[in-house]
Amino acid sequence: MTVWAWDYDPSAEYETKVLPPGAVAEVEQLANELAALGRWRDCRSSLAVVSRAA
């Protein structure tokens, strides 16, 4: 069996150099907001399980 690997690992600077100024910061902000929403959803589902058990 052949082991296959992906060796392409560019730097963040290489990947983002064609973006307009501020685009990386905006994407990072949106990613943080999505992560916060995911944490909120996880907390809500955990609270629902605890309240049903009580």
N, C-alpha and C. Protein backbone atom coordinates (compact mmCIF):
# COMPACT_ATOMS: atom_id res chain seq x y z
N MET A 1 0.84 -1.18 0.00
CA MET A 1 0.00 0.00 0.00
C MET A 1 0.89 1.25 0.00
N THR A 2 0.54 2.20 -0.80
CA THR A 2 1.31 3.43 -0.91
C THR A 2 0.79 4.46 0.09
N VAL A 3 1.71 5.11 0.77
CA VAL A 3 1.34 6.18 1.69
C VAL A 3 1.38 7.48 0.91
N TRP A 4 0.28 8.20 0.92
CA TRP A 4 0.19 9.45 0.18
C TRP A 4 0.20 10.60 1.18
N ALA A 5 0.92 11.65 0.89
CA ALA A 5 0.97 12.82 1.76
C ALA A 5 0.88 14.09 0.94
N TRP A 6 0.38 15.12 1.56
CA TRP A 6 0.29 16.43 0.94
C TRP A 6 1.38 17.29 1.55
N ASP A 7 2.32 17.75 0.74
CA ASP A 7 3.47 18.48 1.25
C ASP A 7 3.37 20.00 1.09
N TYR A 8 2.31 20.49 0.50
CA TYR A 8 2.16 21.92 0.27
C TYR A 8 1.77 22.61 1.57
N ASP A 9 2.61 23.47 2.07
CA ASP A 9 2.36 24.17 3.33
C ASP A 9 2.83 25.61 3.21
N PRO A 10 2.06 26.45 2.50
CA PRO A 10 2.49 27.84 2.31
C PRO A 10 2.33 28.66 3.58
N SER A 11 3.05 29.76 3.64
CA SER A 11 2.95 30.65 4.79
C SER A 11 1.67 31.48 4.70
N ALA A 12 1.26 32.04 5.82
CA ALA A 12 0.08 32.90 5.84
C ALA A 12 0.31 34.13 4.97
N GLU A 13 1.53 34.66 4.98
CA GLU A 13 1.84 35.83 4.16
C GLU A 13 1.67 35.52 2.67
N TYR A 14 2.09 34.34 2.25
CA TYR A 14 1.96 33.96 0.84
C TYR A 14 0.49 33.85 0.45
N GLU A 15 -0.30 33.25 1.32
CA GLU A 15 -1.72 33.04 1.02
C GLU A 15 -2.53 34.32 1.02
N THR A 16 -2.14 35.31 1.79
CA THR A 16 -2.95 36.51 1.94
C THR A 16 -2.41 37.75 1.24
N LYS A 17 -1.30 37.64 0.55
CA LYS A 17 -0.69 38.85 -0.02
C LYS A 17 -1.53 39.50 -1.12
N VAL A 18 -2.45 38.80 -1.74
CA VAL A 18 -3.27 39.38 -2.81
C VAL A 18 -4.58 39.98 -2.29
N LEU A 19 -4.84 39.83 -1.01
CA LEU A 19 -6.08 40.37 -0.44
C LEU A 19 -5.96 41.86 -0.17
N PRO A 20 -7.08 42.58 -0.29
CA PRO A 20 -7.04 44.01 0.02
C PRO A 20 -6.77 44.24 1.50
N PRO A 21 -6.26 45.41 1.85
CA PRO A 21 -5.97 45.71 3.25
C PRO A 21 -7.23 45.56 4.12
N GLY A 22 -7.07 44.96 5.26
CA GLY A 22 -8.19 44.80 6.18
C GLY A 22 -8.98 43.51 5.99
N ALA A 23 -8.78 42.83 4.88
CA ALA A 23 -9.56 41.62 4.61
C ALA A 23 -9.24 40.51 5.61
N VAL A 24 -7.97 40.34 5.93
CA VAL A 24 -7.58 39.29 6.87
C VAL A 24 -8.18 39.57 8.25
N ALA A 25 -8.12 40.82 8.69
CA ALA A 25 -8.68 41.18 9.99
C ALA A 25 -10.19 40.94 10.02
N GLU A 26 -10.87 41.25 8.92
CA GLU A 26 -12.32 41.05 8.86
C GLU A 26 -12.67 39.56 8.91
N VAL A 27 -11.92 38.75 8.18
CA VAL A 27 -12.16 37.31 8.20
C VAL A 27 -11.88 36.74 9.59
N GLU A 28 -10.82 37.20 10.23
CA GLU A 28 -10.52 36.74 11.59
C GLU A 28 -11.64 37.12 12.55
N GLN A 29 -12.18 38.32 12.41
CA GLN A 29 -13.27 38.76 13.28
C GLN A 29 -14.50 37.88 13.06
N LEU A 30 -14.84 37.62 11.81
CA LEU A 30 -15.99 36.76 11.51
C LEU A 30 -15.78 35.34 12.04
N ALA A 31 -14.58 34.82 11.91
CA ALA A 31 -14.29 33.49 12.43
C ALA A 31 -14.44 33.44 13.94
N ASN A 32 -14.00 34.50 14.62
CA ASN A 32 -14.17 34.57 16.08
C ASN A 32 -15.64 34.62 16.47
N GLU A 33 -16.44 35.36 15.71
CA GLU A 33 -17.87 35.43 15.99
C GLU A 33 -18.54 34.08 15.79
N LEU A 34 -18.16 33.38 14.72
CA LEU A 34 -18.72 32.04 14.49
C LEU A 34 -18.32 31.07 15.60
N ALA A 35 -17.07 31.16 16.05
CA ALA A 35 -16.62 30.30 17.13
C ALA A 35 -17.40 30.59 18.41
N ALA A 36 -17.65 31.87 18.68
CA ALA A 36 -18.42 32.24 19.87
C ALA A 36 -19.85 31.71 19.77
N LEU A 37 -20.44 31.78 18.59
CA LEU A 37 -21.79 31.23 18.42
C LEU A 37 -21.80 29.72 18.64
N GLY A 38 -20.76 29.05 18.19
CA GLY A 38 -20.67 27.60 18.41
C GLY A 38 -20.54 27.27 19.88
N ARG A 39 -19.75 28.06 20.61
CA ARG A 39 -19.63 27.84 22.05
C ARG A 39 -20.95 28.10 22.74
N TRP A 40 -21.68 29.14 22.31
CA TRP A 40 -22.97 29.46 22.89
C TRP A 40 -23.94 28.31 22.65
N ARG A 41 -23.95 27.78 21.44
CA ARG A 41 -24.84 26.66 21.12
C ARG A 41 -24.50 25.45 21.99
N ASP A 42 -23.22 25.17 22.16
CA ASP A 42 -22.81 24.04 22.99
C ASP A 42 -23.23 24.24 24.44
N CYS A 43 -23.11 25.47 24.94
CA CYS A 43 -23.52 25.75 26.32
C CYS A 43 -25.02 25.59 26.47
N ARG A 44 -25.77 26.07 25.50
CA ARG A 44 -27.23 25.96 25.58
C ARG A 44 -27.66 24.51 25.56
N SER A 45 -27.04 23.68 24.71
CA SER A 45 -27.44 22.27 24.66
C SER A 45 -27.05 21.56 25.94
N SER A 46 -25.92 21.92 26.54
CA SER A 46 -25.51 21.32 27.82
C SER A 46 -26.47 21.73 28.92
N LEU A 47 -26.89 22.99 28.92
CA LEU A 47 -27.84 23.44 29.94
C LEU A 47 -29.19 22.74 29.79
N ALA A 48 -29.60 22.50 28.57
CA ALA A 48 -30.88 21.82 28.34
C ALA A 48 -30.82 20.40 28.87
N VAL A 49 -29.72 19.73 28.70
CA VAL A 49 -29.57 18.35 29.21
C VAL A 49 -29.62 18.36 30.73
N VAL A 50 -28.93 19.33 31.35
CA VAL A 50 -28.91 19.41 32.82
C VAL A 50 -30.30 19.74 33.35
N SER A 51 -31.01 20.66 32.71
CA SER A 51 -32.33 21.04 33.21
C SER A 51 -33.34 19.90 33.03
N ARG A 52 -33.19 19.09 31.99
CA ARG A 52 -34.08 17.93 31.81
C ARG A 52 -33.82 16.87 32.86
N ALA A 53 -32.57 16.75 33.29
CA ALA A 53 -32.21 15.72 34.27
C ALA A 53 -32.70 16.10 35.67
N ALA A 54 -32.92 17.37 35.92
CA ALA A 54 -33.31 17.82 37.27
C ALA A 54 -34.76 17.56 37.58
